[in-house]
Amino acid sequence: MNYESLYLNVKQCAARYNISVRQFQMLVKRGDLPQPIKFGGSNRWPVRLLEEFESEQMNKHLVSFENASKPCRKKRK
């Protein structure tokens, strides 16, 4: 496996999520996306880290979807 397939630069990450580079950087700065690893003066995101983040987000979404789809039972008086 080569270096390019293990790590993504900011442009590749933004393209992965179909957002602008600036928006991607803002989400990283806010802590909504994983922090990069520094290689010299370059930021790189391990693909494995992004995949783990995506998996966590999917699990959160599925749990909230399952909770939302449960019928509400109101107490009768």
C-alpha atoms as a PDB file:
ATOM      1  CA  MET A   1       0.000   0.000   0.000  1.00  0.00           C
ATOM      2  CA  ASN A   2       1.397   3.407  -0.889  1.00  0.00           C
ATOM      3  CA  TYR A   3       1.458   6.642   1.085  1.00  0.00           C
ATOM      4  CA  GLU A   4      -1.247   8.326  -1.020  1.00  0.00           C
ATOM      5  CA  SER A   5      -3.799   5.626  -0.208  1.00  0.00           C
ATOM      6  CA  LEU A   6      -3.128   5.770   3.550  1.00  0.00           C
ATOM      7  CA  TYR A   7      -3.381   9.550   4.055  1.00  0.00           C
ATOM      8  CA  LEU A   8      -5.471  12.301   2.482  1.00  0.00           C
ATOM      9  CA  ASN A   9      -4.677  15.983   2.166  1.00  0.00           C
ATOM     10  CA  VAL A  10      -7.238  18.701   2.871  1.00  0.00           C
ATOM     11  CA  LYS A  11      -8.437  18.887  -0.753  1.00  0.00           C
ATOM     12  CA  GLN A  12      -8.998  15.139  -0.884  1.00  0.00           C
ATOM     13  CA  CYS A  13     -10.849  15.188   2.437  1.00  0.00           C
ATOM     14  CA  ALA A  14     -13.099  18.029   1.310  1.00  0.00           C
ATOM     15  CA  ALA A  15     -13.856  16.131  -1.898  1.00  0.00           C
ATOM     16  CA  ARG A  16     -14.609  12.982   0.135  1.00  0.00           C
ATOM     17  CA  TYR A  17     -17.359  14.854   1.993  1.00  0.00           C
ATOM     18  CA  ASN A  18     -18.396  16.962  -1.007  1.00  0.00           C
ATOM     19  CA  ILE A  19     -17.719  20.251   0.782  1.00  0.00           C
ATOM     20  CA  SER A  20     -15.322  23.144   0.216  1.00  0.00           C
ATOM     21  CA  VAL A  21     -11.807  23.133   1.632  1.00  0.00           C
ATOM     22  CA  ARG A  22     -12.690  26.116   3.789  1.00  0.00           C
ATOM     23  CA  GLN A  23     -15.773  24.389   5.191  1.00  0.00           C
ATOM     24  CA  PHE A  24     -13.740  21.244   5.897  1.00  0.00           C
ATOM     25  CA  GLN A  25     -11.098  23.283   7.733  1.00  0.00           C
ATOM     26  CA  MET A  26     -13.775  25.042   9.772  1.00  0.00           C
ATOM     27  CA  LEU A  27     -15.322  21.722  10.831  1.00  0.00           C
ATOM     28  CA  VAL A  28     -11.895  20.400  11.865  1.00  0.00           C
ATOM     29  CA  LYS A  29     -11.184  23.577  13.841  1.00  0.00           C
ATOM     30  CA  ARG A  30     -14.558  23.277  15.641  1.00  0.00           C
ATOM     31  CA  GLY A  31     -13.788  19.659  16.501  1.00  0.00           C
ATOM     32  CA  ASP A  32     -16.600  18.240  14.368  1.00  0.00           C
ATOM     33  CA  LEU A  33     -14.112  16.292  12.233  1.00  0.00           C
ATOM     34  CA  PRO A  34     -10.918  14.453  13.209  1.00  0.00           C
ATOM     35  CA  GLN A  35      -7.702  16.396  13.716  1.00  0.00           C
ATOM     36  CA  PRO A  36      -4.908  15.914  11.177  1.00  0.00           C
ATOM     37  CA  ILE A  37      -1.476  14.435  11.635  1.00  0.00           C
ATOM     38  CA  LYS A  38       1.388  16.806  10.822  1.00  0.00           C
ATOM     39  CA  PHE A  39       4.029  15.684   8.330  1.00  0.00           C
ATOM     40  CA  GLY A  40       6.526  18.511   8.273  1.00  0.00           C
ATOM     41  CA  GLY A  41       4.399  21.507   7.333  1.00  0.00           C
ATOM     42  CA  SER A  42       1.597  19.429   5.815  1.00  0.00           C
ATOM     43  CA  ASN A  43      -1.623  18.211   7.379  1.00  0.00           C
ATOM     44  CA  ARG A  44      -2.737  14.702   6.507  1.00  0.00           C
ATOM     45  CA  TRP A  45      -5.717  12.645   7.637  1.00  0.00           C
ATOM     46  CA  PRO A  46      -5.317   8.879   7.909  1.00  0.00           C
ATOM     47  CA  VAL A  47      -8.017   7.182   5.844  1.00  0.00           C
ATOM     48  CA  ARG A  48      -8.539   4.698   8.689  1.00  0.00           C
ATOM     49  CA  LEU A  49      -9.272   7.561  11.105  1.00  0.00           C
ATOM     50  CA  LEU A  50     -11.817   9.067   8.688  1.00  0.00           C
ATOM     51  CA  GLU A  51     -13.484   5.685   8.215  1.00  0.00           C
ATOM     52  CA  GLU A  52     -13.748   5.222  12.003  1.00  0.00           C
ATOM     53  CA  PHE A  53     -15.253   8.707  12.320  1.00  0.00           C
ATOM     54  CA  GLU A  54     -17.774   7.935   9.562  1.00  0.00           C
ATOM     55  CA  SER A  55     -18.717   4.665  11.239  1.00  0.00           C
ATOM     56  CA  GLU A  56     -19.285   6.427  14.574  1.00  0.00           C
ATOM     57  CA  GLN A  57     -21.468   9.026  12.878  1.00  0.00           C
ATOM     58  CA  MET A  58     -23.525   6.335  11.153  1.00  0.00           C
ATOM     59  CA  ASN A  59     -24.026   4.514  14.457  1.00  0.00           C
ATOM     60  CA  LYS A  60     -25.161   7.733  16.161  1.00  0.00           C
ATOM     61  CA  HIS A  61     -27.554   8.423  13.303  1.00  0.00           C
ATOM     62  CA  LEU A  62     -28.984   4.894  13.391  1.00  0.00           C
ATOM     63  CA  VAL A  63     -29.523   5.017  17.165  1.00  0.00           C
ATOM     64  CA  SER A  64     -31.311   8.364  16.964  1.00  0.00           C
ATOM     65  CA  PHE A  65     -33.367   7.107  14.000  1.00  0.00           C
ATOM     66  CA  GLU A  66     -34.382   3.971  15.903  1.00  0.00           C
ATOM     67  CA  ASN A  67     -35.362   6.052  18.942  1.00  0.00           C
ATOM     68  CA  ALA A  68     -37.358   8.459  16.779  1.00  0.00           C
ATOM     69  CA  SER A  69     -39.231   5.653  15.040  1.00  0.00           C
ATOM     70  CA  LYS A  70     -40.453   4.080  18.288  1.00  0.00           C
ATOM     71  CA  PRO A  71     -44.088   4.907  18.956  1.00  0.00           C
ATOM     72  CA  CYS A  72     -44.799   7.300  21.783  1.00  0.00           C
ATOM     73  CA  ARG A  73     -47.082   5.994  24.431  1.00  0.00           C
ATOM     74  CA  LYS A  74     -49.028   8.559  26.318  1.00  0.00           C
ATOM     75  CA  LYS A  75     -50.529   7.756  29.666  1.00  0.00           C
ATOM     76  CA  ARG A  76     -54.264   7.682  29.733  1.00  0.00           C
ATOM     77  CA  LYS A  77     -55.965   9.435  32.568  1.00  0.00           C
END
